[in-house]
Amino acid sequence: LAVPALAPGSAGATAPTPADARTAAVAAYAAPDGYYDGAEGKTGDALK
């Protein structure tokens, strides 16, 4: 979020967008792999 946009014609990737930052934040706070394995594919009372 703090990196300024590159000047026109600059080499390299474009500056990250707020949407990129939100996606990274969601990934940062995701549950550990396997935490919800017992719930996957279930609905209703079985999921509860």
ModelCIF file with pLDDT and N, C-alpha, C, O atoms, coordinates in Angstrom:
data_MODEL
#
_entry.id   MODEL 
#
_entity.id                         1 
_entity.type                       polymer 
_entity.pdbx_number_of_molecules   1 
#
_entity_poly.entity_id                      1 
_entity_poly.type                           'polypeptide(L)' 
_entity_poly.nstd_linkage                   no 
_entity_poly.nstd_monomer                   no 
_entity_poly.pdbx_seq_one_letter_code       LAVPALAPGSAGATAPTPADARTAAVAAYAAPDGYYDGAEGKTGDALK 
_entity_poly.pdbx_seq_one_letter_code_can   LAVPALAPGSAGATAPTPADARTAAVAAYAAPDGYYDGAEGKTGDALK 
_entity_poly.pdbx_strand_id                 A 
#
loop_
_entity_poly_seq.entity_id 
_entity_poly_seq.num 
_entity_poly_seq.mon_id 
_entity_poly_seq.hetero 
1 1  LEU n 
1 2  ALA n 
1 3  VAL n 
1 4  PRO n 
1 5  ALA n 
1 6  LEU n 
1 7  ALA n 
1 8  PRO n 
1 9  GLY n 
1 10 SER n 
1 11 ALA n 
1 12 GLY n 
1 13 ALA n 
1 14 THR n 
1 15 ALA n 
1 16 PRO n 
1 17 THR n 
1 18 PRO n 
1 19 ALA n 
1 20 ASP n 
1 21 ALA n 
1 22 ARG n 
1 23 THR n 
1 24 ALA n 
1 25 ALA n 
1 26 VAL n 
1 27 ALA n 
1 28 ALA n 
1 29 TYR n 
1 30 ALA n 
1 31 ALA n 
1 32 PRO n 
1 33 ASP n 
1 34 GLY n 
1 35 TYR n 
1 36 TYR n 
1 37 ASP n 
1 38 GLY n 
1 39 ALA n 
1 40 GLU n 
1 41 GLY n 
1 42 LYS n 
1 43 THR n 
1 44 GLY n 
1 45 ASP n 
1 46 ALA n 
1 47 LEU n 
1 48 LYS n 
#
_struct_asym.id          A 
_struct_asym.entity_id   1 
#
loop_
_ma_qa_metric.id 
_ma_qa_metric.mode 
_ma_qa_metric.name 
_ma_qa_metric.software_group_id 
_ma_qa_metric.type 
1 global pLDDT . pLDDT 
2 local  pLDDT . pLDDT 
#
_ma_qa_metric_global.metric_id      1 
_ma_qa_metric_global.metric_value   66.21 
_ma_qa_metric_global.model_id       1 
_ma_qa_metric_global.ordinal_id     1 
#
loop_
_ma_qa_metric_local.label_asym_id 
_ma_qa_metric_local.label_comp_id 
_ma_qa_metric_local.label_seq_id 
_ma_qa_metric_local.metric_id 
_ma_qa_metric_local.metric_value 
_ma_qa_metric_local.model_id 
_ma_qa_metric_local.ordinal_id 
A LEU 1  2 35.00 1 1  
A ALA 2  2 36.00 1 2  
A VAL 3  2 32.00 1 3  
A PRO 4  2 34.00 1 4  
A ALA 5  2 34.00 1 5  
A LEU 6  2 31.00 1 6  
A ALA 7  2 34.00 1 7  
A PRO 8  2 34.00 1 8  
A GLY 9  2 35.00 1 9  
A SER 10 2 35.00 1 10 
A ALA 11 2 37.00 1 11 
A GLY 12 2 40.00 1 12 
A ALA 13 2 41.00 1 13 
A THR 14 2 45.00 1 14 
A ALA 15 2 48.00 1 15 
A PRO 16 2 47.00 1 16 
A THR 17 2 50.00 1 17 
A PRO 18 2 50.00 1 18 
A ALA 19 2 52.00 1 19 
A ASP 20 2 54.00 1 20 
A ALA 21 2 51.00 1 21 
A ARG 22 2 49.00 1 22 
A THR 23 2 51.00 1 23 
A ALA 24 2 55.00 1 24 
A ALA 25 2 55.00 1 25 
A VAL 26 2 58.00 1 26 
A ALA 27 2 65.00 1 27 
A ALA 28 2 78.00 1 28 
A TYR 29 2 86.00 1 29 
A ALA 30 2 89.00 1 30 
A ALA 31 2 94.00 1 31 
A PRO 32 2 94.00 1 32 
A ASP 33 2 94.00 1 33 
A GLY 34 2 96.00 1 34 
A TYR 35 2 97.00 1 35 
A TYR 36 2 98.00 1 36 
A ASP 37 2 97.00 1 37 
A GLY 38 2 97.00 1 38 
A ALA 39 2 97.00 1 39 
A GLU 40 2 95.00 1 40 
A GLY 41 2 95.00 1 41 
A LYS 42 2 97.00 1 42 
A THR 43 2 97.00 1 43 
A GLY 44 2 98.00 1 44 
A ASP 45 2 97.00 1 45 
A ALA 46 2 98.00 1 46 
A LEU 47 2 98.00 1 47 
A LYS 48 2 98.00 1 48 
#
loop_
_atom_site.group_PDB 
_atom_site.id 
_atom_site.type_symbol 
_atom_site.label_atom_id 
_atom_site.label_alt_id 
_atom_site.label_comp_id 
_atom_site.label_asym_id 
_atom_site.label_entity_id 
_atom_site.label_seq_id 
_atom_site.pdbx_PDB_ins_code 
_atom_site.Cartn_x 
_atom_site.Cartn_y 
_atom_site.Cartn_z 
_atom_site.occupancy 
_atom_site.B_iso_or_equiv 
_atom_site.pdbx_formal_charge 
_atom_site.auth_seq_id 
_atom_site.auth_comp_id 
_atom_site.auth_asym_id 
_atom_site.auth_atom_id 
_atom_site.pdbx_PDB_model_num 
ATOM 1   N N  . LEU A 1 1  ? 0.823   -1.201  0.000   1.00 35.00 ? 1  LEU A N  1 
ATOM 2   C CA . LEU A 1 1  ? 0.000   0.000   0.000   1.00 35.00 ? 1  LEU A CA 1 
ATOM 3   C C  . LEU A 1 1  ? 0.862   1.258   0.000   1.00 35.00 ? 1  LEU A C  1 
ATOM 4   O O  . LEU A 1 1  ? 0.444   2.309   -0.488  1.00 35.00 ? 1  LEU A O  1 
ATOM 5   N N  . ALA A 1 2  ? 2.074   1.141   0.555   1.00 36.00 ? 2  ALA A N  1 
ATOM 6   C CA . ALA A 1 2  ? 2.913   2.330   0.701   1.00 36.00 ? 2  ALA A CA 1 
ATOM 7   C C  . ALA A 1 2  ? 3.761   2.620   -0.528  1.00 36.00 ? 2  ALA A C  1 
ATOM 8   O O  . ALA A 1 2  ? 4.261   3.734   -0.684  1.00 36.00 ? 2  ALA A O  1 
ATOM 9   N N  . VAL A 1 3  ? 3.930   1.623   -1.412  1.00 32.00 ? 3  VAL A N  1 
ATOM 10  C CA . VAL A 1 3  ? 4.807   1.815   -2.567  1.00 32.00 ? 3  VAL A CA 1 
ATOM 11  C C  . VAL A 1 3  ? 4.142   2.757   -3.562  1.00 32.00 ? 3  VAL A C  1 
ATOM 12  O O  . VAL A 1 3  ? 2.999   2.516   -3.950  1.00 32.00 ? 3  VAL A O  1 
ATOM 13  N N  . PRO A 1 4  ? 4.815   3.819   -3.985  1.00 34.00 ? 4  PRO A N  1 
ATOM 14  C CA . PRO A 1 4  ? 4.215   4.719   -4.966  1.00 34.00 ? 4  PRO A CA 1 
ATOM 15  C C  . PRO A 1 4  ? 4.163   4.080   -6.335  1.00 34.00 ? 4  PRO A C  1 
ATOM 16  O O  . PRO A 1 4  ? 4.942   3.180   -6.651  1.00 34.00 ? 4  PRO A O  1 
ATOM 17  N N  . ALA A 1 5  ? 3.221   4.565   -7.153  1.00 34.00 ? 5  ALA A N  1 
ATOM 18  C CA . ALA A 1 5  ? 3.117   4.051   -8.518  1.00 34.00 ? 5  ALA A CA 1 
ATOM 19  C C  . ALA A 1 5  ? 4.387   4.398   -9.291  1.00 34.00 ? 5  ALA A C  1 
ATOM 20  O O  . ALA A 1 5  ? 4.990   5.452   -9.088  1.00 34.00 ? 5  ALA A O  1 
ATOM 21  N N  . LEU A 1 6  ? 4.776   3.495   -10.174 1.00 31.00 ? 6  LEU A N  1 
ATOM 22  C CA . LEU A 1 6  ? 5.957   3.749   -10.987 1.00 31.00 ? 6  LEU A CA 1 
ATOM 23  C C  . LEU A 1 6  ? 5.648   4.837   -12.007 1.00 31.00 ? 6  LEU A C  1 
ATOM 24  O O  . LEU A 1 6  ? 4.516   4.965   -12.471 1.00 31.00 ? 6  LEU A O  1 
ATOM 25  N N  . ALA A 1 7  ? 6.646   5.601   -12.341 1.00 34.00 ? 7  ALA A N  1 
ATOM 26  C CA . ALA A 1 7  ? 6.475   6.643   -13.343 1.00 34.00 ? 7  ALA A CA 1 
ATOM 27  C C  . ALA A 1 7  ? 6.208   6.012   -14.694 1.00 34.00 ? 7  ALA A C  1 
ATOM 28  O O  . ALA A 1 7  ? 6.671   4.900   -14.949 1.00 34.00 ? 7  ALA A O  1 
ATOM 29  N N  . PRO A 1 8  ? 5.463   6.698   -15.582 1.00 34.00 ? 8  PRO A N  1 
ATOM 30  C CA . PRO A 1 8  ? 5.194   6.158   -16.911 1.00 34.00 ? 8  PRO A CA 1 
ATOM 31  C C  . PRO A 1 8  ? 6.497   5.760   -17.597 1.00 34.00 ? 8  PRO A C  1 
ATOM 32  O O  . PRO A 1 8  ? 7.475   6.508   -17.606 1.00 34.00 ? 8  PRO A O  1 
ATOM 33  N N  . GLY A 1 9  ? 6.476   4.569   -18.166 1.00 35.00 ? 9  GLY A N  1 
ATOM 34  C CA . GLY A 1 9  ? 7.662   4.107   -18.889 1.00 35.00 ? 9  GLY A CA 1 
ATOM 35  C C  . GLY A 1 9  ? 8.662   3.387   -18.012 1.00 35.00 ? 9  GLY A C  1 
ATOM 36  O O  . GLY A 1 9  ? 9.652   2.859   -18.518 1.00 35.00 ? 9  GLY A O  1 
ATOM 37  N N  . SER A 1 10 ? 8.424   3.349   -16.666 1.00 35.00 ? 10 SER A N  1 
ATOM 38  C CA . SER A 1 10 ? 9.369   2.663   -15.789 1.00 35.00 ? 10 SER A CA 1 
ATOM 39  C C  . SER A 1 10 ? 9.317   1.167   -16.024 1.00 35.00 ? 10 SER A C  1 
ATOM 40  O O  . SER A 1 10 ? 8.264   0.622   -16.354 1.00 35.00 ? 10 SER A O  1 
ATOM 41  N N  . ALA A 1 11 ? 10.434  0.512   -15.857 1.00 37.00 ? 11 ALA A N  1 
ATOM 42  C CA . ALA A 1 11 ? 10.464  -0.930  -16.022 1.00 37.00 ? 11 ALA A CA 1 
ATOM 43  C C  . ALA A 1 11 ? 9.892   -1.599  -14.792 1.00 37.00 ? 11 ALA A C  1 
ATOM 44  O O  . ALA A 1 11 ? 9.844   -1.016  -13.709 1.00 37.00 ? 11 ALA A O  1 
ATOM 45  N N  . GLY A 1 12 ? 9.454   -2.853  -14.983 1.00 40.00 ? 12 GLY A N  1 
ATOM 46  C CA . GLY A 1 12 ? 8.991   -3.629  -13.843 1.00 40.00 ? 12 GLY A CA 1 
ATOM 47  C C  . GLY A 1 12 ? 7.489   -3.650  -13.750 1.00 40.00 ? 12 GLY A C  1 
ATOM 48  O O  . GLY A 1 12 ? 6.788   -3.095  -14.596 1.00 40.00 ? 12 GLY A O  1 
ATOM 49  N N  . ALA A 1 13 ? 6.989   -4.317  -12.684 1.00 41.00 ? 13 ALA A N  1 
ATOM 50  C CA . ALA A 1 13 ? 5.552   -4.506  -12.486 1.00 41.00 ? 13 ALA A CA 1 
ATOM 51  C C  . ALA A 1 13 ? 4.900   -3.193  -12.088 1.00 41.00 ? 13 ALA A C  1 
ATOM 52  O O  . ALA A 1 13 ? 5.553   -2.277  -11.587 1.00 41.00 ? 13 ALA A O  1 
ATOM 53  N N  . THR A 1 14 ? 3.601   -3.125  -12.324 1.00 45.00 ? 14 THR A N  1 
ATOM 54  C CA . THR A 1 14 ? 2.839   -1.961  -11.901 1.00 45.00 ? 14 THR A CA 1 
ATOM 55  C C  . THR A 1 14 ? 2.650   -1.979  -10.397 1.00 45.00 ? 14 THR A C  1 
ATOM 56  O O  . THR A 1 14 ? 2.802   -3.016  -9.752  1.00 45.00 ? 14 THR A O  1 
ATOM 57  N N  . ALA A 1 15 ? 2.317   -0.821  -9.844  1.00 48.00 ? 15 ALA A N  1 
ATOM 58  C CA . ALA A 1 15 ? 2.135   -0.710  -8.397  1.00 48.00 ? 15 ALA A CA 1 
ATOM 59  C C  . ALA A 1 15 ? 0.936   -1.543  -7.948  1.00 48.00 ? 15 ALA A C  1 
ATOM 60  O O  . ALA A 1 15 ? -0.045  -1.646  -8.684  1.00 48.00 ? 15 ALA A O  1 
ATOM 61  N N  . PRO A 1 16 ? 0.994   -2.142  -6.748  1.00 47.00 ? 16 PRO A N  1 
ATOM 62  C CA . PRO A 1 16 ? -0.133  -2.925  -6.250  1.00 47.00 ? 16 PRO A CA 1 
ATOM 63  C C  . PRO A 1 16 ? -1.346  -2.031  -6.028  1.00 47.00 ? 16 PRO A C  1 
ATOM 64  O O  . PRO A 1 16 ? -1.220  -0.859  -5.673  1.00 47.00 ? 16 PRO A O  1 
ATOM 65  N N  . THR A 1 17 ? -2.503  -2.601  -6.242  1.00 50.00 ? 17 THR A N  1 
ATOM 66  C CA . THR A 1 17 ? -3.761  -1.874  -6.068  1.00 50.00 ? 17 THR A CA 1 
ATOM 67  C C  . THR A 1 17 ? -4.356  -2.191  -4.711  1.00 50.00 ? 17 THR A C  1 
ATOM 68  O O  . THR A 1 17 ? -3.945  -3.161  -4.074  1.00 50.00 ? 17 THR A O  1 
ATOM 69  N N  . PRO A 1 18 ? -5.328  -1.388  -4.247  1.00 50.00 ? 18 PRO A N  1 
ATOM 70  C CA . PRO A 1 18 ? -6.017  -1.739  -2.996  1.00 50.00 ? 18 PRO A CA 1 
ATOM 71  C C  . PRO A 1 18 ? -6.638  -3.127  -3.041  1.00 50.00 ? 18 PRO A C  1 
ATOM 72  O O  . PRO A 1 18 ? -6.674  -3.824  -2.026  1.00 50.00 ? 18 PRO A O  1 
ATOM 73  N N  . ALA A 1 19 ? -7.131  -3.538  -4.218  1.00 52.00 ? 19 ALA A N  1 
ATOM 74  C CA . ALA A 1 19 ? -7.709  -4.882  -4.329  1.00 52.00 ? 19 ALA A CA 1 
ATOM 75  C C  . ALA A 1 19 ? -6.658  -5.950  -4.078  1.00 52.00 ? 19 ALA A C  1 
ATOM 76  O O  . ALA A 1 19 ? -6.938  -6.964  -3.439  1.00 52.00 ? 19 ALA A O  1 
ATOM 77  N N  . ASP A 1 20 ? -5.418  -5.718  -4.593  1.00 54.00 ? 20 ASP A N  1 
ATOM 78  C CA . ASP A 1 20 ? -4.319  -6.649  -4.324  1.00 54.00 ? 20 ASP A CA 1 
ATOM 79  C C  . ASP A 1 20 ? -4.056  -6.758  -2.828  1.00 54.00 ? 20 ASP A C  1 
ATOM 80  O O  . ASP A 1 20 ? -3.846  -7.848  -2.296  1.00 54.00 ? 20 ASP A O  1 
ATOM 81  N N  . ALA A 1 21 ? -4.073  -5.603  -2.158  1.00 51.00 ? 21 ALA A N  1 
ATOM 82  C CA . ALA A 1 21 ? -3.814  -5.583  -0.717  1.00 51.00 ? 21 ALA A CA 1 
ATOM 83  C C  . ALA A 1 21 ? -4.887  -6.337  0.042   1.00 51.00 ? 21 ALA A C  1 
ATOM 84  O O  . ALA A 1 21 ? -4.588  -7.074  0.983   1.00 51.00 ? 21 ALA A O  1 
ATOM 85  N N  . ARG A 1 22 ? -6.144  -6.154  -0.365  1.00 49.00 ? 22 ARG A N  1 
ATOM 86  C CA . ARG A 1 22 ? -7.230  -6.876  0.319   1.00 49.00 ? 22 ARG A CA 1 
ATOM 87  C C  . ARG A 1 22 ? -7.084  -8.373  0.136   1.00 49.00 ? 22 ARG A C  1 
ATOM 88  O O  . ARG A 1 22 ? -7.291  -9.138  1.077   1.00 49.00 ? 22 ARG A O  1 
ATOM 89  N N  . THR A 1 23 ? -6.726  -8.801  -1.078  1.00 51.00 ? 23 THR A N  1 
ATOM 90  C CA . THR A 1 23 ? -6.543  -10.226 -1.342  1.00 51.00 ? 23 THR A CA 1 
ATOM 91  C C  . THR A 1 23 ? -5.412  -10.794 -0.487  1.00 51.00 ? 23 THR A C  1 
ATOM 92  O O  . THR A 1 23 ? -5.528  -11.896 0.050   1.00 51.00 ? 23 THR A O  1 
ATOM 93  N N  . ALA A 1 24 ? -4.325  -10.043 -0.363  1.00 55.00 ? 24 ALA A N  1 
ATOM 94  C CA . ALA A 1 24 ? -3.202  -10.487 0.467   1.00 55.00 ? 24 ALA A CA 1 
ATOM 95  C C  . ALA A 1 24 ? -3.600  -10.574 1.928   1.00 55.00 ? 24 ALA A C  1 
ATOM 96  O O  . ALA A 1 24 ? -3.171  -11.486 2.636   1.00 55.00 ? 24 ALA A O  1 
ATOM 97  N N  . ALA A 1 25 ? -4.430  -9.619  2.392   1.00 55.00 ? 25 ALA A N  1 
ATOM 98  C CA . ALA A 1 25 ? -4.871  -9.625  3.789   1.00 55.00 ? 25 ALA A CA 1 
ATOM 99  C C  . ALA A 1 25 ? -5.710  -10.847 4.082   1.00 55.00 ? 25 ALA A C  1 
ATOM 100 O O  . ALA A 1 25 ? -5.554  -11.474 5.130   1.00 55.00 ? 25 ALA A O  1 
ATOM 101 N N  . VAL A 1 26 ? -6.611  -11.197 3.156   1.00 58.00 ? 26 VAL A N  1 
ATOM 102 C CA . VAL A 1 26 ? -7.445  -12.388 3.344   1.00 58.00 ? 26 VAL A CA 1 
ATOM 103 C C  . VAL A 1 26 ? -6.565  -13.622 3.438   1.00 58.00 ? 26 VAL A C  1 
ATOM 104 O O  . VAL A 1 26 ? -6.781  -14.479 4.295   1.00 58.00 ? 26 VAL A O  1 
ATOM 105 N N  . ALA A 1 27 ? -5.567  -13.717 2.557   1.00 65.00 ? 27 ALA A N  1 
ATOM 106 C CA . ALA A 1 27 ? -4.661  -14.866 2.584   1.00 65.00 ? 27 ALA A CA 1 
ATOM 107 C C  . ALA A 1 27 ? -3.875  -14.919 3.888   1.00 65.00 ? 27 ALA A C  1 
ATOM 108 O O  . ALA A 1 27 ? -3.632  -16.001 4.423   1.00 65.00 ? 27 ALA A O  1 
ATOM 109 N N  . ALA A 1 28 ? -3.479  -13.762 4.402   1.00 78.00 ? 28 ALA A N  1 
ATOM 110 C CA . ALA A 1 28 ? -2.690  -13.718 5.628   1.00 78.00 ? 28 ALA A CA 1 
ATOM 111 C C  . ALA A 1 28 ? -3.453  -14.272 6.812   1.00 78.00 ? 28 ALA A C  1 
ATOM 112 O O  . ALA A 1 28 ? -2.862  -14.884 7.701   1.00 78.00 ? 28 ALA A O  1 
ATOM 113 N N  . TYR A 1 29 ? -4.762  -14.063 6.833   1.00 86.00 ? 29 TYR A N  1 
ATOM 114 C CA . TYR A 1 29 ? -5.556  -14.463 7.985   1.00 86.00 ? 29 TYR A CA 1 
ATOM 115 C C  . TYR A 1 29 ? -6.404  -15.707 7.727   1.00 86.00 ? 29 TYR A C  1 
ATOM 116 O O  . TYR A 1 29 ? -7.360  -15.959 8.461   1.00 86.00 ? 29 TYR A O  1 
ATOM 117 N N  . ALA A 1 30 ? -6.077  -16.476 6.714   1.00 89.00 ? 30 ALA A N  1 
ATOM 118 C CA . ALA A 1 30 ? -6.822  -17.692 6.419   1.00 89.00 ? 30 ALA A CA 1 
ATOM 119 C C  . ALA A 1 30 ? -6.542  -18.768 7.464   1.00 89.00 ? 30 ALA A C  1 
ATOM 120 O O  . ALA A 1 30 ? -5.506  -18.757 8.129   1.00 89.00 ? 30 ALA A O  1 
ATOM 121 N N  . ALA A 1 31 ? -7.488  -19.695 7.594   1.00 94.00 ? 31 ALA A N  1 
ATOM 122 C CA . ALA A 1 31 ? -7.303  -20.818 8.517   1.00 94.00 ? 31 ALA A CA 1 
ATOM 123 C C  . ALA A 1 31 ? -6.169  -21.712 8.049   1.00 94.00 ? 31 ALA A C  1 
ATOM 124 O O  . ALA A 1 31 ? -5.900  -21.787 6.850   1.00 94.00 ? 31 ALA A O  1 
ATOM 125 N N  . PRO A 1 32 ? -5.501  -22.388 8.964   1.00 94.00 ? 32 PRO A N  1 
ATOM 126 C CA . PRO A 1 32 ? -4.435  -23.309 8.555   1.00 94.00 ? 32 PRO A CA 1 
ATOM 127 C C  . PRO A 1 32 ? -4.989  -24.426 7.681   1.00 94.00 ? 32 PRO A C  1 
ATOM 128 O O  . PRO A 1 32 ? -6.153  -24.807 7.805   1.00 94.00 ? 32 PRO A O  1 
ATOM 129 N N  . ASP A 1 33 ? -4.155  -24.938 6.811   1.00 94.00 ? 33 ASP A N  1 
ATOM 130 C CA . ASP A 1 33 ? -4.559  -26.067 5.978   1.00 94.00 ? 33 ASP A CA 1 
ATOM 131 C C  . ASP A 1 33 ? -5.048  -27.214 6.858   1.00 94.00 ? 33 ASP A C  1 
ATOM 132 O O  . ASP A 1 33 ? -4.395  -27.582 7.834   1.00 94.00 ? 33 ASP A O  1 
ATOM 133 N N  . GLY A 1 34 ? -6.190  -27.766 6.504   1.00 96.00 ? 34 GLY A N  1 
ATOM 134 C CA . GLY A 1 34 ? -6.718  -28.923 7.218   1.00 96.00 ? 34 GLY A CA 1 
ATOM 135 C C  . GLY A 1 34 ? -7.647  -28.610 8.371   1.00 96.00 ? 34 GLY A C  1 
ATOM 136 O O  . GLY A 1 34 ? -8.318  -29.506 8.883   1.00 96.00 ? 34 GLY A O  1 
ATOM 137 N N  . TYR A 1 35 ? -7.700  -27.339 8.794   1.00 97.00 ? 35 TYR A N  1 
ATOM 138 C CA . TYR A 1 35 ? -8.500  -27.014 9.978   1.00 97.00 ? 35 TYR A CA 1 
ATOM 139 C C  . TYR A 1 35 ? -9.960  -27.390 9.792   1.00 97.00 ? 35 TYR A C  1 
ATOM 140 O O  . TYR A 1 35 ? -10.597 -27.870 10.729  1.00 97.00 ? 35 TYR A O  1 
ATOM 141 N N  . TYR A 1 36 ? -10.496 -27.181 8.609   1.00 98.00 ? 36 TYR A N  1 
ATOM 142 C CA . TYR A 1 36 ? -11.921 -27.446 8.362   1.00 98.00 ? 36 TYR A CA 1 
ATOM 143 C C  . TYR A 1 36 ? -12.157 -28.726 7.563   1.00 98.00 ? 36 TYR A C  1 
ATOM 144 O O  . TYR A 1 36 ? -13.230 -28.902 6.985   1.00 98.00 ? 36 TYR A O  1 
ATOM 145 N N  . ASP A 1 37 ? -11.185 -29.607 7.523   1.00 97.00 ? 37 ASP A N  1 
ATOM 146 C CA . ASP A 1 37 ? -11.348 -30.826 6.725   1.00 97.00 ? 37 ASP A CA 1 
ATOM 147 C C  . ASP A 1 37 ? -12.617 -31.592 7.094   1.00 97.00 ? 37 ASP A C  1 
ATOM 148 O O  . ASP A 1 37 ? -13.299 -32.120 6.216   1.00 97.00 ? 37 ASP A O  1 
ATOM 149 N N  . GLY A 1 38 ? -12.931 -31.654 8.371   1.00 97.00 ? 38 GLY A N  1 
ATOM 150 C CA . GLY A 1 38 ? -14.098 -32.414 8.811   1.00 97.00 ? 38 GLY A CA 1 
ATOM 151 C C  . GLY A 1 38 ? -15.424 -31.811 8.411   1.00 97.00 ? 38 GLY A C  1 
ATOM 152 O O  . GLY A 1 38 ? -16.461 -32.465 8.523   1.00 97.00 ? 38 GLY A O  1 
ATOM 153 N N  . ALA A 1 39 ? -15.408 -30.560 7.942   1.00 97.00 ? 39 ALA A N  1 
ATOM 154 C CA . ALA A 1 39 ? -16.641 -29.875 7.566   1.00 97.00 ? 39 ALA A CA 1 
ATOM 155 C C  . ALA A 1 39 ? -16.853 -29.797 6.060   1.00 97.00 ? 39 ALA A C  1 
ATOM 156 O O  . ALA A 1 39 ? -17.963 -29.520 5.605   1.00 97.00 ? 39 ALA A O  1 
ATOM 157 N N  . GLU A 1 40 ? -15.818 -30.034 5.296   1.00 95.00 ? 40 GLU A N  1 
ATOM 158 C CA . GLU A 1 40 ? -15.910 -29.854 3.847   1.00 95.00 ? 40 GLU A CA 1 
ATOM 159 C C  . GLU A 1 40 ? -16.950 -30.787 3.241   1.00 95.00 ? 40 GLU A C  1 
ATOM 160 O O  . GLU A 1 40 ? -17.015 -31.970 3.576   1.00 95.00 ? 40 GLU A O  1 
ATOM 161 N N  . GLY A 1 41 ? -17.764 -30.232 2.340   1.00 95.00 ? 41 GLY A N  1 
ATOM 162 C CA . GLY A 1 41 ? -18.763 -31.020 1.628   1.00 95.00 ? 41 GLY A CA 1 
ATOM 163 C C  . GLY A 1 41 ? -20.055 -31.244 2.371   1.00 95.00 ? 41 GLY A C  1 
ATOM 164 O O  . GLY A 1 41 ? -20.962 -31.888 1.846   1.00 95.00 ? 41 GLY A O  1 
ATOM 165 N N  . LYS A 1 42 ? -20.166 -30.723 3.596   1.00 97.00 ? 42 LYS A N  1 
ATOM 166 C CA . LYS A 1 42 ? -21.366 -30.933 4.402   1.00 97.00 ? 42 LYS A CA 1 
ATOM 167 C C  . LYS A 1 42 ? -22.274 -29.700 4.365   1.00 97.00 ? 42 LYS A C  1 
ATOM 168 O O  . LYS A 1 42 ? -21.819 -28.589 4.094   1.00 97.00 ? 42 LYS A O  1 
ATOM 169 N N  . THR A 1 43 ? -23.539 -29.909 4.637   1.00 97.00 ? 43 THR A N  1 
ATOM 170 C CA . THR A 1 43 ? -24.511 -28.825 4.754   1.00 97.00 ? 43 THR A CA 1 
ATOM 171 C C  . THR A 1 43 ? -25.456 -29.124 5.904   1.00 97.00 ? 43 THR A C  1 
ATOM 172 O O  . THR A 1 43 ? -25.449 -30.224 6.458   1.00 97.00 ? 43 THR A O  1 
ATOM 173 N N  . GLY A 1 44 ? -26.277 -28.128 6.264   1.00 98.00 ? 44 GLY A N  1 
ATOM 174 C CA . GLY A 1 44 ? -27.325 -28.333 7.259   1.00 98.00 ? 44 GLY A CA 1 
ATOM 175 C C  . GLY A 1 44 ? -26.801 -28.793 8.597   1.00 98.00 ? 44 GLY A C  1 
ATOM 176 O O  . GLY A 1 44 ? -25.745 -28.347 9.048   1.00 98.00 ? 44 GLY A O  1 
ATOM 177 N N  . ASP A 1 45 ? -27.545 -29.693 9.239   1.00 97.00 ? 45 ASP A N  1 
ATOM 178 C CA . ASP A 1 45 ? -27.185 -30.175 10.573  1.00 97.00 ? 45 ASP A CA 1 
ATOM 179 C C  . ASP A 1 45 ? -25.842 -30.900 10.585  1.00 97.00 ? 45 ASP A C  1 
ATOM 180 O O  . ASP A 1 45 ? -25.118 -30.851 11.579  1.00 97.00 ? 45 ASP A O  1 
ATOM 181 N N  . ALA A 1 46 ? -25.508 -31.573 9.480   1.00 98.00 ? 46 ALA A N  1 
ATOM 182 C CA . ALA A 1 46 ? -24.227 -32.280 9.413   1.00 98.00 ? 46 ALA A CA 1 
ATOM 183 C C  . ALA A 1 46 ? -23.063 -31.291 9.462   1.00 98.00 ? 46 ALA A C  1 
ATOM 184 O O  . ALA A 1 46 ? -22.051 -31.549 10.113  1.00 98.00 ? 46 ALA A O  1 
ATOM 185 N N  . LEU A 1 47 ? -23.209 -30.163 8.774   1.00 98.00 ? 47 LEU A N  1 
ATOM 186 C CA . LEU A 1 47 ? -22.172 -29.132 8.811   1.00 98.00 ? 47 LEU A CA 1 
ATOM 187 C C  . LEU A 1 47 ? -22.092 -28.506 10.194  1.00 98.00 ? 47 LEU A C  1 
ATOM 188 O O  . LEU A 1 47 ? -20.999 -28.277 10.712  1.00 98.00 ? 47 LEU A O  1 
ATOM 189 N N  . LYS A 1 48 ? -23.240 -28.229 10.793  1.00 98.00 ? 48 LYS A N  1 
ATOM 190 C CA . LYS A 1 48 ? -23.275 -27.635 12.129  1.00 98.00 ? 48 LYS A CA 1 
ATOM 191 C C  . LYS A 1 48 ? -22.593 -28.551 13.144  1.00 98.00 ? 48 LYS A C  1 
ATOM 192 O O  . LYS A 1 48 ? -22.524 -28.218 14.327  1.00 98.00 ? 48 LYS A O  1 
#
